[in-house]
Amino acid sequence: MSEESFPADALPEYAERVLEVAEMIPPGRVMTYGDVAEWLEEGGPRQVGRVMALYGGAVPWWRVIRADGVLLPGHELDALGHYRTEGTPLREASRASEGHVPRVDMKRARWDGAGRAQDHT
């Protein structure tokens, strides 16, 4: 839980901006936490991750991921369902990987925001 507390109806401005980027990512594509911070030209991967952990439930949270393509721990099956529904490119898990859970194929699934630059503020 955050040391900071906000009124239930108040969302920090930075959080709003992070969530707006998450909503812009097309189905079947992903951005890393660092990509989102770079897009916003503010914060870093940890700050974006914190926003997603606290406020990301109402947006397509599965589209903002770690740079190595590993699925969000504790939410792997939910995320995997979304990825399969949306046709997100996946790399099948090796036998050595824990739980044999696939990863997102970052080379094919990563979205750079192209086509949405006019929306960037």
Protein backbone atom coordinates (compact mmCIF):
# COMPACT_ATOMS: atom_id res chain seq x y z
CA MET A 1 0.00 0.00 0.00
CA SER A 2 1.25 3.48 -0.80
CA GLU A 3 2.45 5.80 1.93
CA GLU A 4 0.46 8.51 0.17
CA SER A 5 -3.28 8.47 0.47
CA PHE A 6 -5.67 10.07 -1.96
CA PRO A 7 -9.41 10.62 -1.70
CA ALA A 8 -11.28 7.72 -3.27
CA ASP A 9 -12.43 9.86 -6.19
CA ALA A 10 -9.05 11.54 -6.78
CA LEU A 11 -6.52 10.06 -9.16
CA PRO A 12 -3.05 11.59 -9.29
CA GLU A 13 -2.36 13.37 -12.58
CA TYR A 14 0.58 11.12 -13.41
CA ALA A 15 -1.58 8.04 -12.84
CA GLU A 16 -4.23 9.39 -15.19
CA ARG A 17 -1.61 9.87 -17.88
CA VAL A 18 -0.21 6.35 -17.44
CA LEU A 19 -3.69 4.84 -17.64
CA GLU A 20 -4.47 6.85 -20.79
CA VAL A 21 -1.40 5.35 -22.48
CA ALA A 22 -2.44 1.84 -21.41
CA GLU A 23 -5.84 2.41 -23.01
CA MET A 24 -4.22 3.52 -26.29
CA ILE A 25 -2.29 0.28 -26.79
CA PRO A 26 -4.05 -1.72 -29.51
CA PRO A 27 -5.31 -5.25 -28.81
CA GLY A 28 -2.59 -7.81 -29.48
CA ARG A 29 0.20 -5.31 -28.76
CA VAL A 30 2.13 -4.37 -25.61
CA MET A 31 4.34 -1.65 -24.19
CA THR A 32 6.85 -2.08 -21.40
CA TYR A 33 6.73 -0.07 -18.21
CA GLY A 34 9.77 1.81 -19.49
CA ASP A 35 8.12 2.44 -22.87
CA VAL A 36 5.18 4.10 -21.13
CA ALA A 37 7.49 6.30 -19.03
CA GLU A 38 9.44 7.24 -22.16
CA TRP A 39 6.21 8.03 -24.03
CA LEU A 40 5.15 10.31 -21.18
CA GLU A 41 8.65 11.79 -20.86
CA GLU A 42 8.24 11.46 -17.11
CA GLY A 43 8.96 8.90 -14.43
CA GLY A 44 10.45 5.49 -15.03
CA PRO A 45 9.48 1.82 -15.16
CA ARG A 46 9.01 1.57 -11.39
CA GLN A 47 6.68 4.55 -11.27
CA VAL A 48 4.62 3.18 -14.14
CA GLY A 49 4.52 -0.24 -12.48
CA ARG A 50 3.34 1.32 -9.24
CA VAL A 51 0.54 3.18 -11.03
CA MET A 52 -0.53 -0.01 -12.79
CA ALA A 53 -0.49 -1.94 -9.51
CA LEU A 54 -2.60 0.64 -7.70
CA TYR A 55 -4.95 1.88 -10.42
CA GLY A 56 -4.61 -0.35 -13.50
CA GLY A 57 -7.52 -2.70 -12.91
CA ALA A 58 -9.95 -0.68 -15.03
CA VAL A 59 -7.70 -0.52 -18.11
CA PRO A 60 -6.11 -3.25 -20.26
CA TRP A 61 -3.34 -3.84 -17.69
CA TRP A 62 -2.07 -6.93 -19.51
CA ARG A 63 -0.80 -4.68 -22.32
CA VAL A 64 1.78 -2.99 -20.04
CA ILE A 65 4.44 -5.53 -19.16
CA ARG A 66 8.04 -6.23 -18.21
CA ALA A 67 10.66 -5.78 -20.92
CA ASP A 68 11.49 -9.51 -20.89
CA GLY A 69 7.90 -10.45 -21.77
CA VAL A 70 7.29 -12.39 -18.54
CA LEU A 71 3.64 -12.41 -17.53
CA LEU A 72 2.62 -10.55 -14.36
CA PRO A 73 3.25 -12.89 -11.40
CA GLY A 74 0.00 -13.96 -9.80
CA HIS A 75 -2.00 -12.92 -12.84
CA GLU A 76 -0.45 -15.17 -15.48
CA LEU A 77 -3.60 -17.09 -16.35
CA ASP A 78 -5.76 -13.95 -16.60
CA ALA A 79 -3.15 -12.26 -18.79
CA LEU A 80 -2.69 -15.36 -20.92
CA GLY A 81 -6.43 -15.50 -21.58
CA HIS A 82 -6.39 -11.89 -22.76
CA TYR A 83 -3.31 -12.47 -24.94
CA ARG A 84 -4.85 -15.49 -26.60
CA THR A 85 -8.17 -13.70 -27.18
CA GLU A 86 -6.39 -10.68 -28.69
CA GLY A 87 -3.89 -12.69 -30.73
CA THR A 88 -0.85 -11.28 -28.93
CA PRO A 89 2.31 -13.02 -30.21
CA LEU A 90 3.63 -15.41 -27.58
CA ARG A 91 6.77 -17.47 -27.19
CA GLU A 92 6.03 -20.91 -25.85
CA ALA A 93 7.65 -21.71 -22.55
CA SER A 94 10.68 -23.92 -22.39
CA ARG A 95 10.57 -26.99 -20.22
CA ALA A 96 12.96 -25.26 -17.84
CA SER A 97 10.68 -22.28 -17.25
CA GLU A 98 8.77 -22.28 -14.01
CA GLY A 99 5.17 -23.35 -14.53
CA HIS A 100 5.74 -23.67 -18.30
CA VAL A 101 4.01 -20.31 -18.83
CA PRO A 102 4.65 -18.65 -22.20
CA ARG A 103 6.12 -15.17 -22.52
CA VAL A 104 5.04 -12.36 -24.79
CA ASP A 105 7.12 -12.29 -27.97
CA MET A 106 8.47 -8.77 -27.52
CA LYS A 107 9.93 -8.51 -31.02
CA ARG A 108 6.53 -9.03 -32.57
CA ALA A 109 4.15 -7.64 -29.93
CA ARG A 110 5.89 -4.45 -28.82
CA TRP A 111 4.05 -1.29 -29.85
CA ASP A 112 5.91 2.00 -30.28
CA GLY A 113 2.87 4.27 -30.32
CA ALA A 114 3.06 4.82 -34.06
CA GLY A 115 -0.11 6.24 -35.50
CA ARG A 116 -1.09 7.79 -32.17
CA ALA A 117 1.57 10.51 -32.02
CA GLN A 118 -1.04 13.17 -32.72
CA ASP A 119 -2.71 12.20 -29.42
CA HIS A 120 0.52 12.56 -27.44
CA THR A 121 0.56 15.63 -25.22
